Amino acid sequence: MKLSALLVTLSSIAAFAQEAAEAEQQPSAIGSFLPLILLFVVMWLFFIRPKNKEMKKMEEMRKALKKGDKVITTAGIIGTVTNIDETGTTISVRTGSTTIIDFEKSAILRVLNAETAPAAKTEEKK
């Protein structure tokens, strides 16, 4: 009698465990990847997108360089653009009265007379 009671108990426990396992649903594939997707979206919004905008702005500034622009290089050298290569990759910058240095366009950090021009315009309006 004890053996049959033990078998019934074991079978009922096995059936209960199987029902509990079926009732518990596995998380969906999207649900398990949701934190990674959210992390990528946040990284894109706060890191990748602003950096791409900044690079695009720098590229436009370098394309708009012309003779006579006062520029500062990534090395901190301030000078005036004297010549722009026809291929568009190098420029010549006069740093002193007779010193002319050739740079890649990518070495130009910013144009200085573009920063002073809006300030001068606002002072004229006053």
N, C-alpha and C. Protein backbone atom coordinates (compact mmCIF):
# COMPACT_ATOMS: atom_id res chain seq x y z
N MET A 1 0.81 -1.18 0.00
CA MET A 1 0.00 0.00 0.00
C MET A 1 0.86 1.26 0.00
N LYS A 2 1.91 1.20 0.73
CA LYS A 2 2.77 2.36 0.80
C LYS A 2 3.44 2.64 -0.54
N LEU A 3 3.75 1.60 -1.27
CA LEU A 3 4.39 1.78 -2.56
C LEU A 3 3.46 2.45 -3.55
N SER A 4 2.21 2.08 -3.58
CA SER A 4 1.25 2.69 -4.50
C SER A 4 1.00 4.15 -4.11
N ALA A 5 0.96 4.45 -2.83
CA ALA A 5 0.77 5.83 -2.38
C ALA A 5 1.98 6.69 -2.79
N LEU A 6 3.16 6.09 -2.70
CA LEU A 6 4.37 6.79 -3.09
C LEU A 6 4.38 7.08 -4.59
N LEU A 7 3.97 6.12 -5.39
CA LEU A 7 3.90 6.30 -6.84
C LEU A 7 2.88 7.37 -7.22
N VAL A 8 1.75 7.37 -6.57
CA VAL A 8 0.72 8.37 -6.85
C VAL A 8 1.24 9.76 -6.49
N THR A 9 1.90 9.86 -5.36
CA THR A 9 2.44 11.15 -4.93
C THR A 9 3.51 11.64 -5.90
N LEU A 10 4.40 10.75 -6.31
CA LEU A 10 5.45 11.13 -7.26
C LEU A 10 4.86 11.54 -8.61
N SER A 11 3.86 10.84 -9.08
CA SER A 11 3.26 11.19 -10.37
C SER A 11 2.51 12.51 -10.28
N SER A 12 1.87 12.77 -9.15
CA SER A 12 1.16 14.05 -9.01
C SER A 12 2.16 15.21 -8.92
N ILE A 13 3.30 14.98 -8.25
CA ILE A 13 4.33 16.02 -8.18
C ILE A 13 4.90 16.29 -9.56
N ALA A 14 5.14 15.23 -10.34
CA ALA A 14 5.67 15.39 -11.69
C ALA A 14 4.67 16.12 -12.57
N ALA A 15 3.39 15.80 -12.44
CA ALA A 15 2.36 16.46 -13.23
C ALA A 15 2.26 17.93 -12.85
N PHE A 16 2.33 18.21 -11.55
CA PHE A 16 2.27 19.60 -11.08
C PHE A 16 3.46 20.40 -11.60
N ALA A 17 4.64 19.80 -11.57
CA ALA A 17 5.84 20.49 -12.06
C ALA A 17 5.75 20.76 -13.55
N GLN A 18 5.18 19.80 -14.29
CA GLN A 18 5.04 19.98 -15.73
C GLN A 18 4.03 21.09 -16.03
N GLU A 19 2.93 21.15 -15.29
CA GLU A 19 1.94 22.21 -15.48
C GLU A 19 2.53 23.58 -15.13
N ALA A 20 3.32 23.63 -14.09
CA ALA A 20 3.94 24.89 -13.69
C ALA A 20 4.93 25.35 -14.75
N ALA A 21 5.67 24.42 -15.34
CA ALA A 21 6.63 24.77 -16.37
C ALA A 21 5.93 25.27 -17.63
N GLU A 22 4.79 24.67 -17.95
CA GLU A 22 4.03 25.11 -19.12
C GLU A 22 3.38 26.46 -18.88
N ALA A 23 2.96 26.70 -17.62
CA ALA A 23 2.32 27.97 -17.31
C ALA A 23 3.34 29.11 -17.35
N GLU A 24 4.57 28.83 -17.00
CA GLU A 24 5.63 29.83 -17.05
C GLU A 24 6.05 30.01 -18.50
N GLN A 25 5.83 31.19 -19.05
CA GLN A 25 6.19 31.42 -20.45
C GLN A 25 7.64 31.89 -20.53
N GLN A 26 8.28 31.47 -21.59
CA GLN A 26 9.64 31.91 -21.85
C GLN A 26 9.59 33.36 -22.31
N PRO A 27 10.56 34.19 -21.89
CA PRO A 27 10.56 35.57 -22.38
C PRO A 27 10.80 35.60 -23.89
N SER A 28 10.16 36.55 -24.53
CA SER A 28 10.30 36.64 -25.99
C SER A 28 11.70 37.11 -26.35
N ALA A 29 12.06 36.92 -27.60
CA ALA A 29 13.39 37.32 -28.07
C ALA A 29 13.55 38.84 -28.00
N ILE A 30 12.49 39.57 -28.31
CA ILE A 30 12.56 41.03 -28.26
C ILE A 30 12.71 41.50 -26.82
N GLY A 31 12.01 40.84 -25.92
CA GLY A 31 12.10 41.21 -24.51
C GLY A 31 13.48 40.99 -23.93
N SER A 32 14.16 39.97 -24.39
CA SER A 32 15.50 39.72 -23.87
C SER A 32 16.54 40.66 -24.48
N PHE A 33 16.29 41.16 -25.69
CA PHE A 33 17.21 42.09 -26.33
C PHE A 33 16.84 43.55 -26.10
N LEU A 34 15.72 43.80 -25.44
CA LEU A 34 15.26 45.17 -25.22
C LEU A 34 16.28 46.03 -24.47
N PRO A 35 16.93 45.56 -23.41
CA PRO A 35 17.94 46.41 -22.76
C PRO A 35 19.10 46.77 -23.70
N LEU A 36 19.53 45.85 -24.54
CA LEU A 36 20.61 46.14 -25.48
C LEU A 36 20.17 47.16 -26.53
N ILE A 37 18.94 47.02 -26.98
CA ILE A 37 18.40 47.96 -27.97
C ILE A 37 18.30 49.35 -27.37
N LEU A 38 17.81 49.45 -26.14
CA LEU A 38 17.70 50.74 -25.47
C LEU A 38 19.08 51.36 -25.24
N LEU A 39 20.06 50.55 -24.89
CA LEU A 39 21.42 51.04 -24.68
C LEU A 39 21.99 51.61 -25.98
N PHE A 40 21.77 50.93 -27.09
CA PHE A 40 22.26 51.42 -28.37
C PHE A 40 21.57 52.73 -28.76
N VAL A 41 20.27 52.84 -28.52
CA VAL A 41 19.54 54.06 -28.86
C VAL A 41 20.06 55.23 -28.03
N VAL A 42 20.29 55.00 -26.75
CA VAL A 42 20.81 56.07 -25.89
C VAL A 42 22.21 56.48 -26.33
N MET A 43 23.06 55.52 -26.65
CA MET A 43 24.40 55.83 -27.12
C MET A 43 24.35 56.62 -28.42
N TRP A 44 23.45 56.23 -29.32
CA TRP A 44 23.33 56.93 -30.59
C TRP A 44 22.87 58.37 -30.36
N LEU A 45 21.89 58.58 -29.47
CA LEU A 45 21.36 59.92 -29.24
C LEU A 45 22.38 60.84 -28.57
N PHE A 46 23.14 60.30 -27.63
CA PHE A 46 24.00 61.17 -26.83
C PHE A 46 25.46 61.20 -27.28
N PHE A 47 25.91 60.23 -28.06
CA PHE A 47 27.32 60.18 -28.43
C PHE A 47 27.53 60.22 -29.94
N ILE A 48 26.93 59.32 -30.67
CA ILE A 48 27.21 59.17 -32.10
C ILE A 48 26.61 60.32 -32.91
N ARG A 49 25.36 60.64 -32.68
CA ARG A 49 24.69 61.67 -33.47
C ARG A 49 25.34 63.05 -33.30
N PRO A 50 25.61 63.52 -32.08
CA PRO A 50 26.28 64.82 -31.96
C PRO A 50 27.67 64.85 -32.57
N LYS A 51 28.41 63.74 -32.46
CA LYS A 51 29.75 63.69 -33.05
C LYS A 51 29.67 63.78 -34.57
N ASN A 52 28.70 63.10 -35.17
CA ASN A 52 28.53 63.18 -36.62
C ASN A 52 28.16 64.59 -37.06
N LYS A 53 27.31 65.27 -36.29
CA LYS A 53 26.95 66.64 -36.62
C LYS A 53 28.16 67.55 -36.55
N GLU A 54 28.97 67.36 -35.51
CA GLU A 54 30.18 68.17 -35.35
C GLU A 54 31.16 67.93 -36.49
N MET A 55 31.34 66.68 -36.90
CA MET A 55 32.25 66.37 -38.01
C MET A 55 31.74 66.98 -39.31
N LYS A 56 30.44 66.95 -39.52
CA LYS A 56 29.86 67.52 -40.73
C LYS A 56 30.06 69.04 -40.75
N LYS A 57 29.89 69.68 -39.59
CA LYS A 57 30.08 71.12 -39.49
C LYS A 57 31.54 71.49 -39.75
N MET A 58 32.47 70.71 -39.21
CA MET A 58 33.90 70.96 -39.43
C MET A 58 34.25 70.80 -40.91
N GLU A 59 33.70 69.79 -41.56
CA GLU A 59 33.97 69.56 -42.98
C GLU A 59 33.45 70.73 -43.82
N GLU A 60 32.27 71.24 -43.49
CA GLU A 60 31.72 72.39 -44.22
C GLU A 60 32.59 73.63 -44.01
N MET A 61 33.09 73.82 -42.78
CA MET A 61 33.95 74.96 -42.50
C MET A 61 35.24 74.86 -43.30
N ARG A 62 35.81 73.67 -43.40
CA ARG A 62 37.06 73.49 -44.15
C ARG A 62 36.85 73.68 -45.65
N LYS A 63 35.68 73.28 -46.15
CA LYS A 63 35.39 73.49 -47.57
C LYS A 63 35.20 74.97 -47.90
N ALA A 64 34.74 75.75 -46.91
CA ALA A 64 34.46 77.17 -47.14
C ALA A 64 35.69 78.05 -46.92
N LEU A 65 36.84 77.48 -46.65
CA LEU A 65 38.05 78.28 -46.45
C LEU A 65 38.39 79.04 -47.73
N LYS A 66 38.88 80.26 -47.55
CA LYS A 66 39.29 81.06 -48.71
C LYS A 66 40.53 81.86 -48.32
N LYS A 67 41.18 82.43 -49.31
CA LYS A 67 42.38 83.23 -49.06
C LYS A 67 42.03 84.41 -48.17
N GLY A 68 42.92 84.69 -47.23
CA GLY A 68 42.71 85.82 -46.34
C GLY A 68 42.03 85.46 -45.03
N ASP A 69 41.52 84.24 -44.90
CA ASP A 69 40.90 83.83 -43.64
C ASP A 69 41.97 83.66 -42.57
N LYS A 70 41.68 84.16 -41.38
CA LYS A 70 42.58 83.96 -40.26
C LYS A 70 42.14 82.67 -39.57
N VAL A 71 43.07 81.70 -39.44
CA VAL A 71 42.73 80.37 -38.93
C VAL A 71 43.63 79.99 -37.78
N ILE A 72 43.19 78.99 -37.02
CA ILE A 72 44.02 78.37 -35.99
C ILE A 72 44.06 76.88 -36.29
N THR A 73 45.25 76.30 -36.19
CA THR A 73 45.43 74.88 -36.50
C THR A 73 45.27 74.05 -35.24
N THR A 74 45.24 72.75 -35.41
CA THR A 74 45.14 71.85 -34.26
C THR A 74 46.39 71.90 -33.40
N ALA A 75 47.49 72.38 -33.94
CA ALA A 75 48.73 72.54 -33.16
C ALA A 75 48.77 73.87 -32.44
N GLY A 76 47.78 74.73 -32.66
CA GLY A 76 47.72 76.01 -31.99
C GLY A 76 48.38 77.14 -32.76
N ILE A 77 48.75 76.90 -34.00
CA ILE A 77 49.39 77.93 -34.81
C ILE A 77 48.32 78.81 -35.43
N ILE A 78 48.47 80.11 -35.26
CA ILE A 78 47.52 81.08 -35.81
C ILE A 78 48.17 81.74 -37.02
N GLY A 79 47.41 81.83 -38.09
CA GLY A 79 47.95 82.44 -39.30
C GLY A 79 46.85 82.80 -40.27
N THR A 80 47.26 83.27 -41.42
CA THR A 80 46.34 83.68 -42.48
C THR A 80 46.53 82.79 -43.69
N VAL A 81 45.42 82.35 -44.27
CA VAL A 81 45.48 81.48 -45.44
C VAL A 81 45.98 82.30 -46.62
N THR A 82 47.05 81.80 -47.26
CA THR A 82 47.60 82.50 -48.43
C THR A 82 47.35 81.77 -49.73
N ASN A 83 47.23 80.44 -49.66
CA ASN A 83 47.05 79.66 -50.88
C ASN A 83 46.28 78.39 -50.54
N ILE A 84 45.36 78.03 -51.42
CA ILE A 84 44.62 76.77 -51.27
C ILE A 84 44.94 75.92 -52.48
N ASP A 85 45.41 74.70 -52.24
CA ASP A 85 45.79 73.79 -53.31
C ASP A 85 44.57 73.48 -54.18
N GLU A 86 44.79 73.32 -55.47
CA GLU A 86 43.70 73.03 -56.41
C GLU A 86 43.02 71.70 -56.11
N THR A 87 43.78 70.73 -55.62
CA THR A 87 43.17 69.44 -55.30
C THR A 87 42.34 69.54 -54.03
N GLY A 88 42.56 70.61 -53.26
CA GLY A 88 41.73 70.83 -52.09
C GLY A 88 42.19 70.10 -50.84
N THR A 89 43.40 69.55 -50.85
CA THR A 89 43.84 68.82 -49.66
C THR A 89 44.81 69.60 -48.80
N THR A 90 45.56 70.53 -49.38
CA THR A 90 46.53 71.30 -48.59
C THR A 90 46.30 72.79 -48.77
N ILE A 91 46.69 73.53 -47.73
CA ILE A 91 46.62 74.98 -47.79
C ILE A 91 47.93 75.54 -47.25
N SER A 92 48.26 76.76 -47.65
CA SER A 92 49.43 77.46 -47.14
C SER A 92 48.97 78.53 -46.18
N VAL A 93 49.63 78.59 -45.02
CA VAL A 93 49.26 79.55 -43.99
C VAL A 93 50.48 80.42 -43.67
N ARG A 94 50.29 81.74 -43.71
CA ARG A 94 51.36 82.67 -43.35
C ARG A 94 51.26 82.94 -41.86
N THR A 95 52.32 82.59 -41.11
CA THR A 95 52.29 82.75 -39.67
C THR A 95 53.03 84.00 -39.21
N GLY A 96 53.97 84.45 -39.98
CA GLY A 96 54.72 85.66 -39.66
C GLY A 96 54.78 86.52 -40.88
N SER A 97 55.73 87.43 -40.92
CA SER A 97 55.82 88.30 -42.09
C SER A 97 56.30 87.54 -43.33
N THR A 98 57.20 86.55 -43.12
CA THR A 98 57.71 85.79 -44.28
C THR A 98 57.56 84.29 -44.12
N THR A 99 57.06 83.82 -43.00
CA THR A 99 56.96 82.39 -42.75
C THR A 99 55.66 81.84 -43.31
N ILE A 100 55.77 80.88 -44.24
CA ILE A 100 54.59 80.23 -44.83
C ILE A 100 54.72 78.74 -44.58
N ILE A 101 53.69 78.15 -44.01
CA ILE A 101 53.68 76.73 -43.68
C ILE A 101 52.53 76.07 -44.42
N ASP A 102 52.80 74.89 -44.98
CA ASP A 102 51.76 74.11 -45.66
C ASP A 102 51.12 73.16 -44.65
N PHE A 103 49.79 73.07 -44.68
CA PHE A 103 49.02 72.20 -43.80
C PHE A 103 48.01 71.40 -44.61
N GLU A 104 47.63 70.27 -44.08
CA GLU A 104 46.46 69.56 -44.60
C GLU A 104 45.23 70.35 -44.15
N LYS A 105 44.17 70.29 -44.92
CA LYS A 105 42.95 71.00 -44.52
C LYS A 105 42.40 70.44 -43.21
N SER A 106 42.63 69.17 -42.96
CA SER A 106 42.12 68.57 -41.73
C SER A 106 42.82 69.10 -40.49
N ALA A 107 43.96 69.81 -40.66
CA ALA A 107 44.68 70.37 -39.52
C ALA A 107 44.10 71.71 -39.08
N ILE A 108 43.16 72.25 -39.83
CA ILE A 108 42.55 73.53 -39.47
C ILE A 108 41.46 73.27 -38.44
N LEU A 109 41.60 73.92 -37.28
CA LEU A 109 40.63 73.72 -36.19
C LEU A 109 39.44 74.64 -36.33
N ARG A 110 39.70 75.91 -36.58
CA ARG A 110 38.58 76.85 -36.79
C ARG A 110 39.06 78.11 -37.49
N VAL A 111 38.10 78.84 -38.01
CA VAL A 111 38.36 80.11 -38.68
C VAL A 111 38.10 81.21 -37.66
N LEU A 112 39.08 82.07 -37.44
CA LEU A 112 38.97 83.09 -36.40
C LEU A 112 38.17 84.31 -36.84
N ASN A 113 38.29 84.73 -38.10
CA ASN A 113 37.54 85.92 -38.52
C ASN A 113 36.05 85.63 -38.63
N ALA A 114 35.63 84.38 -38.68
CA ALA A 114 34.20 84.06 -38.67
C ALA A 114 33.62 84.30 -37.28
N GLU A 115 34.45 84.16 -36.24
CA GLU A 115 33.98 84.38 -34.87
C GLU A 115 33.90 85.87 -34.56
N THR A 116 34.79 86.66 -35.11
CA THR A 116 34.80 88.09 -34.81
C THR A 116 33.80 88.85 -35.66
N ALA A 117 33.43 88.33 -36.82
CA ALA A 117 32.50 89.04 -37.70
C ALA A 117 31.11 89.20 -37.07
N PRO A 118 30.49 88.19 -36.48
CA PRO A 118 29.17 88.40 -35.86
C PRO A 118 29.23 89.37 -34.69
N ALA A 119 30.33 89.37 -33.93
CA ALA A 119 30.47 90.29 -32.81
C ALA A 119 30.55 91.72 -33.32
N ALA A 120 31.25 91.94 -34.40
CA ALA A 120 31.37 93.28 -34.97
C ALA A 120 30.02 93.77 -35.50
N LYS A 121 29.24 92.88 -36.08
CA LYS A 121 27.92 93.25 -36.60
C LYS A 121 26.97 93.65 -35.48
N THR A 122 27.03 92.94 -34.36
CA THR A 122 26.14 93.27 -33.25
C THR A 122 26.53 94.60 -32.61
N GLU A 123 27.84 94.91 -32.61
CA GLU A 123 28.29 96.18 -32.07
C GLU A 123 27.88 97.33 -32.97
N GLU A 124 27.85 97.11 -34.30
CA GLU A 124 27.44 98.15 -35.23
C GLU A 124 25.96 98.46 -35.09
N LYS A 125 25.15 97.47 -34.77
CA LYS A 125 23.70 97.68 -34.62
C LYS A 125 23.39 98.53 -33.41
N LYS A 126 24.23 98.47 -32.38
CA LYS A 126 23.99 99.25 -31.16
C LYS A 126 24.30 100.67 -31.45
